[in-house]
Every structure is written in structure tokens, then in C-alpha cells.
Amino acid sequence: MLGGGDRAGALSAIEEAVAFFRDLAGADPAAFTPDLAGSLNNLSIQRAEAGDRAGALSAVEEAVASYRDLAGADSAAFTPNLWTIT
């Protein structure tokens, strides 16, 4: 939680990061899908704190789907991420 900080700025920054990692993951999924999934999880937190519950749910559902795919390929590396999704 930002504790009264610049929530709009934080939301804007994480949306930018998601767009950045989405482009990178499109070009090299093996290298950047984990970063995209983590950024999506962070986006869900920021959207929830901004009161956008539907947007938060959408972002976290995409993060979970990405982590499930990753865990399917490398269970030891990515299954723990499914337990840390907020």
C-alpha cells in the first residue's frame, strides 16, 4: 500500500511496465513472460487500491493464467508464484 502517495502515478507506471513487458513477451515469451506476469499482479494491486475491482480481477486472472502456463513448463520454478498472487 502506498500510504497516501501518488496512487495515480503508481498506476500509470505499472500500466506502462505491463505494456512494455507485453511487447517484450510477444517477441521472446520464454524470456519475458515471467516479468509480464509479475507486472500484471502488481497492476491488479494498484487497480484494486484505485477502486477498479473489475480491472484488478482482469489483471490478476491474466497473471494467474500466465503463471499456470509457466508452471506447466517448469513446475519447480513457477508454481510458487501461484501461491504469492495477491
N, C-alpha and C. Protein backbone atom coordinates (compact mmCIF):
# COMPACT_ATOMS: atom_id res chain seq x y z
N MET A 1 0.84 -1.17 0.00
CA MET A 1 0.00 0.00 0.00
C MET A 1 0.88 1.24 0.00
N LEU A 2 0.46 2.25 -0.71
CA LEU A 2 1.28 3.43 -0.87
C LEU A 2 1.14 4.42 0.28
N GLY A 3 0.14 4.27 1.12
CA GLY A 3 0.00 5.14 2.27
C GLY A 3 -0.17 6.60 1.92
N GLY A 4 -1.03 6.90 0.97
CA GLY A 4 -1.30 8.29 0.63
C GLY A 4 -0.36 8.86 -0.41
N GLY A 5 0.49 8.03 -0.98
CA GLY A 5 1.41 8.51 -2.00
C GLY A 5 0.69 8.78 -3.31
N ASP A 6 1.43 8.86 -4.35
CA ASP A 6 0.91 9.19 -5.68
C ASP A 6 0.34 7.93 -6.33
N ARG A 7 -0.89 7.59 -5.97
CA ARG A 7 -1.52 6.37 -6.50
C ARG A 7 -1.74 6.45 -7.99
N ALA A 8 -2.13 7.60 -8.48
CA ALA A 8 -2.34 7.74 -9.93
C ALA A 8 -1.02 7.55 -10.67
N GLY A 9 0.05 8.09 -10.11
CA GLY A 9 1.37 7.92 -10.72
C GLY A 9 1.82 6.48 -10.69
N ALA A 10 1.54 5.80 -9.57
CA ALA A 10 1.91 4.38 -9.46
C ALA A 10 1.14 3.55 -10.46
N LEU A 11 -0.15 3.83 -10.60
CA LEU A 11 -0.98 3.09 -11.55
C LEU A 11 -0.49 3.34 -12.97
N SER A 12 -0.17 4.56 -13.29
CA SER A 12 0.34 4.89 -14.62
C SER A 12 1.66 4.17 -14.90
N ALA A 13 2.53 4.14 -13.91
CA ALA A 13 3.83 3.50 -14.09
C ALA A 13 3.69 2.00 -14.31
N ILE A 14 2.83 1.34 -13.54
CA ILE A 14 2.69 -0.11 -13.70
C ILE A 14 1.97 -0.44 -15.00
N GLU A 15 1.04 0.41 -15.43
CA GLU A 15 0.41 0.19 -16.74
C GLU A 15 1.45 0.29 -17.85
N GLU A 16 2.37 1.23 -17.71
CA GLU A 16 3.45 1.36 -18.69
C GLU A 16 4.35 0.13 -18.68
N ALA A 17 4.66 -0.37 -17.48
CA ALA A 17 5.50 -1.57 -17.36
C ALA A 17 4.82 -2.77 -17.99
N VAL A 18 3.51 -2.93 -17.76
CA VAL A 18 2.78 -4.05 -18.37
C VAL A 18 2.84 -3.96 -19.88
N ALA A 19 2.62 -2.78 -20.43
CA ALA A 19 2.69 -2.62 -21.89
C ALA A 19 4.08 -2.96 -22.41
N PHE A 20 5.10 -2.52 -21.70
CA PHE A 20 6.49 -2.79 -22.08
C PHE A 20 6.77 -4.30 -22.08
N PHE A 21 6.40 -4.98 -20.97
CA PHE A 21 6.66 -6.42 -20.89
C PHE A 21 5.76 -7.21 -21.82
N ARG A 22 4.57 -6.70 -22.12
CA ARG A 22 3.70 -7.39 -23.08
C ARG A 22 4.36 -7.40 -24.46
N ASP A 23 4.95 -6.27 -24.86
CA ASP A 23 5.67 -6.20 -26.14
C ASP A 23 6.87 -7.14 -26.14
N LEU A 24 7.65 -7.10 -25.06
CA LEU A 24 8.83 -7.97 -24.98
C LEU A 24 8.45 -9.44 -24.98
N ALA A 25 7.40 -9.79 -24.23
CA ALA A 25 6.96 -11.18 -24.17
C ALA A 25 6.42 -11.65 -25.52
N GLY A 26 5.85 -10.72 -26.28
CA GLY A 26 5.40 -11.08 -27.62
C GLY A 26 6.56 -11.46 -28.53
N ALA A 27 7.70 -10.81 -28.32
CA ALA A 27 8.89 -11.10 -29.14
C ALA A 27 9.69 -12.27 -28.61
N ASP A 28 9.71 -12.45 -27.28
CA ASP A 28 10.51 -13.52 -26.66
C ASP A 28 9.79 -14.03 -25.41
N PRO A 29 8.76 -14.86 -25.61
CA PRO A 29 7.95 -15.31 -24.49
C PRO A 29 8.73 -15.99 -23.36
N ALA A 30 9.69 -16.81 -23.72
CA ALA A 30 10.44 -17.53 -22.69
C ALA A 30 11.19 -16.58 -21.77
N ALA A 31 11.68 -15.52 -22.31
CA ALA A 31 12.47 -14.58 -21.51
C ALA A 31 11.62 -13.61 -20.70
N PHE A 32 10.46 -13.19 -21.25
CA PHE A 32 9.76 -12.06 -20.63
C PHE A 32 8.37 -12.35 -20.09
N THR A 33 7.82 -13.53 -20.32
CA THR A 33 6.50 -13.83 -19.75
C THR A 33 6.52 -13.79 -18.22
N PRO A 34 7.57 -14.27 -17.56
CA PRO A 34 7.58 -14.15 -16.09
C PRO A 34 7.50 -12.69 -15.62
N ASP A 35 8.20 -11.81 -16.29
CA ASP A 35 8.15 -10.38 -15.93
C ASP A 35 6.77 -9.80 -16.20
N LEU A 36 6.16 -10.21 -17.30
CA LEU A 36 4.81 -9.75 -17.61
C LEU A 36 3.83 -10.22 -16.54
N ALA A 37 3.92 -11.47 -16.15
CA ALA A 37 3.02 -12.00 -15.12
C ALA A 37 3.18 -11.25 -13.80
N GLY A 38 4.40 -10.99 -13.40
CA GLY A 38 4.63 -10.23 -12.18
C GLY A 38 4.10 -8.82 -12.26
N SER A 39 4.27 -8.20 -13.41
CA SER A 39 3.76 -6.84 -13.61
C SER A 39 2.24 -6.82 -13.60
N LEU A 40 1.63 -7.84 -14.16
CA LEU A 40 0.17 -7.94 -14.13
C LEU A 40 -0.34 -8.08 -12.70
N ASN A 41 0.37 -8.85 -11.89
CA ASN A 41 -0.01 -8.98 -10.48
C ASN A 41 0.07 -7.62 -9.79
N ASN A 42 1.15 -6.89 -10.04
CA ASN A 42 1.29 -5.55 -9.46
C ASN A 42 0.20 -4.61 -9.97
N LEU A 43 -0.15 -4.74 -11.24
CA LEU A 43 -1.23 -3.92 -11.80
C LEU A 43 -2.54 -4.20 -11.09
N SER A 44 -2.79 -5.47 -10.79
CA SER A 44 -4.04 -5.81 -10.10
C SER A 44 -4.10 -5.14 -8.73
N ILE A 45 -2.98 -5.08 -8.05
CA ILE A 45 -2.93 -4.44 -6.73
C ILE A 45 -3.22 -2.94 -6.87
N GLN A 46 -2.57 -2.29 -7.82
CA GLN A 46 -2.77 -0.86 -8.00
C GLN A 46 -4.20 -0.53 -8.42
N ARG A 47 -4.76 -1.36 -9.29
CA ARG A 47 -6.14 -1.12 -9.70
C ARG A 47 -7.10 -1.31 -8.54
N ALA A 48 -6.86 -2.32 -7.73
CA ALA A 48 -7.72 -2.55 -6.56
C ALA A 48 -7.65 -1.36 -5.61
N GLU A 49 -6.45 -0.85 -5.38
CA GLU A 49 -6.30 0.29 -4.49
C GLU A 49 -6.94 1.55 -5.05
N ALA A 50 -7.08 1.61 -6.39
CA ALA A 50 -7.72 2.75 -7.03
C ALA A 50 -9.24 2.56 -7.09
N GLY A 51 -9.72 1.41 -6.61
CA GLY A 51 -11.15 1.14 -6.61
C GLY A 51 -11.68 0.48 -7.87
N ASP A 52 -10.78 0.08 -8.75
CA ASP A 52 -11.17 -0.57 -10.01
C ASP A 52 -11.13 -2.09 -9.82
N ARG A 53 -12.15 -2.61 -9.17
CA ARG A 53 -12.16 -4.05 -8.86
C ARG A 53 -12.22 -4.91 -10.11
N ALA A 54 -13.00 -4.51 -11.10
CA ALA A 54 -13.10 -5.29 -12.33
C ALA A 54 -11.76 -5.32 -13.06
N GLY A 55 -11.07 -4.18 -13.11
CA GLY A 55 -9.76 -4.12 -13.73
C GLY A 55 -8.74 -4.93 -12.96
N ALA A 56 -8.84 -4.90 -11.64
CA ALA A 56 -7.93 -5.69 -10.80
C ALA A 56 -8.13 -7.18 -11.05
N LEU A 57 -9.39 -7.59 -11.11
CA LEU A 57 -9.69 -9.00 -11.36
C LEU A 57 -9.17 -9.44 -12.72
N SER A 58 -9.37 -8.62 -13.73
CA SER A 58 -8.90 -8.96 -15.07
C SER A 58 -7.38 -9.13 -15.10
N ALA A 59 -6.67 -8.21 -14.46
CA ALA A 59 -5.21 -8.28 -14.45
C ALA A 59 -4.71 -9.51 -13.70
N VAL A 60 -5.32 -9.81 -12.55
CA VAL A 60 -4.84 -10.95 -11.78
C VAL A 60 -5.21 -12.27 -12.47
N GLU A 61 -6.34 -12.31 -13.15
CA GLU A 61 -6.68 -13.52 -13.90
C GLU A 61 -5.66 -13.77 -15.01
N GLU A 62 -5.22 -12.72 -15.67
CA GLU A 62 -4.20 -12.88 -16.71
C GLU A 62 -2.87 -13.31 -16.11
N ALA A 63 -2.53 -12.75 -14.94
CA ALA A 63 -1.29 -13.14 -14.26
C ALA A 63 -1.33 -14.61 -13.88
N VAL A 64 -2.44 -15.06 -13.32
CA VAL A 64 -2.58 -16.47 -12.92
C VAL A 64 -2.48 -17.38 -14.14
N ALA A 65 -3.15 -17.02 -15.22
CA ALA A 65 -3.08 -17.84 -16.44
C ALA A 65 -1.64 -17.93 -16.95
N SER A 66 -0.92 -16.83 -16.90
CA SER A 66 0.48 -16.84 -17.34
C SER A 66 1.33 -17.73 -16.44
N TYR A 67 1.15 -17.58 -15.12
CA TYR A 67 1.92 -18.41 -14.19
C TYR A 67 1.56 -19.89 -14.32
N ARG A 68 0.31 -20.19 -14.60
CA ARG A 68 -0.08 -21.60 -14.81
C ARG A 68 0.63 -22.17 -16.03
N ASP A 69 0.66 -21.39 -17.11
CA ASP A 69 1.36 -21.84 -18.31
C ASP A 69 2.85 -22.05 -18.02
N LEU A 70 3.44 -21.08 -17.32
CA LEU A 70 4.85 -21.19 -16.98
C LEU A 70 5.11 -22.40 -16.08
N ALA A 71 4.23 -22.62 -15.10
CA ALA A 71 4.39 -23.76 -14.19
C ALA A 71 4.24 -25.08 -14.93
N GLY A 72 3.42 -25.08 -15.97
CA GLY A 72 3.29 -26.29 -16.77
C GLY A 72 4.59 -26.68 -17.44
N ALA A 73 5.39 -25.69 -17.79
CA ALA A 73 6.68 -25.94 -18.43
C ALA A 73 7.80 -26.14 -17.42
N ASP A 74 7.70 -25.49 -16.26
CA ASP A 74 8.76 -25.58 -15.24
C ASP A 74 8.12 -25.42 -13.86
N SER A 75 7.57 -26.52 -13.38
CA SER A 75 6.81 -26.51 -12.13
C SER A 75 7.61 -25.98 -10.95
N ALA A 76 8.83 -26.42 -10.81
CA ALA A 76 9.65 -26.01 -9.67
C ALA A 76 9.90 -24.51 -9.65
N ALA A 77 10.06 -23.93 -10.81
CA ALA A 77 10.39 -22.51 -10.88
C ALA A 77 9.16 -21.61 -10.70
N PHE A 78 7.99 -22.04 -11.19
CA PHE A 78 6.88 -21.10 -11.27
C PHE A 78 5.65 -21.44 -10.42
N THR A 79 5.52 -22.66 -9.93
CA THR A 79 4.38 -22.96 -9.07
C THR A 79 4.36 -22.09 -7.83
N PRO A 80 5.51 -21.79 -7.20
CA PRO A 80 5.44 -20.91 -6.04
C PRO A 80 4.82 -19.54 -6.32
N ASN A 81 4.95 -19.05 -7.53
CA ASN A 81 4.37 -17.77 -7.89
C ASN A 81 2.84 -17.79 -7.79
N LEU A 82 2.26 -18.95 -8.04
CA LEU A 82 0.81 -19.06 -7.93
C LEU A 82 0.34 -18.90 -6.50
N TRP A 83 1.20 -19.22 -5.55
CA TRP A 83 0.84 -19.10 -4.13
C TRP A 83 1.05 -17.68 -3.61
N THR A 84 1.75 -16.84 -4.35
CA THR A 84 2.02 -15.49 -3.89
C THR A 84 1.16 -14.45 -4.58
N ILE A 85 0.29 -14.88 -5.48
CA ILE A 85 -0.61 -13.93 -6.15
C ILE A 85 -1.53 -13.33 -5.10
N THR A 86 -1.66 -12.02 -5.14
CA THR A 86 -2.49 -11.35 -4.14
C THR A 86 -3.89 -11.12 -4.63
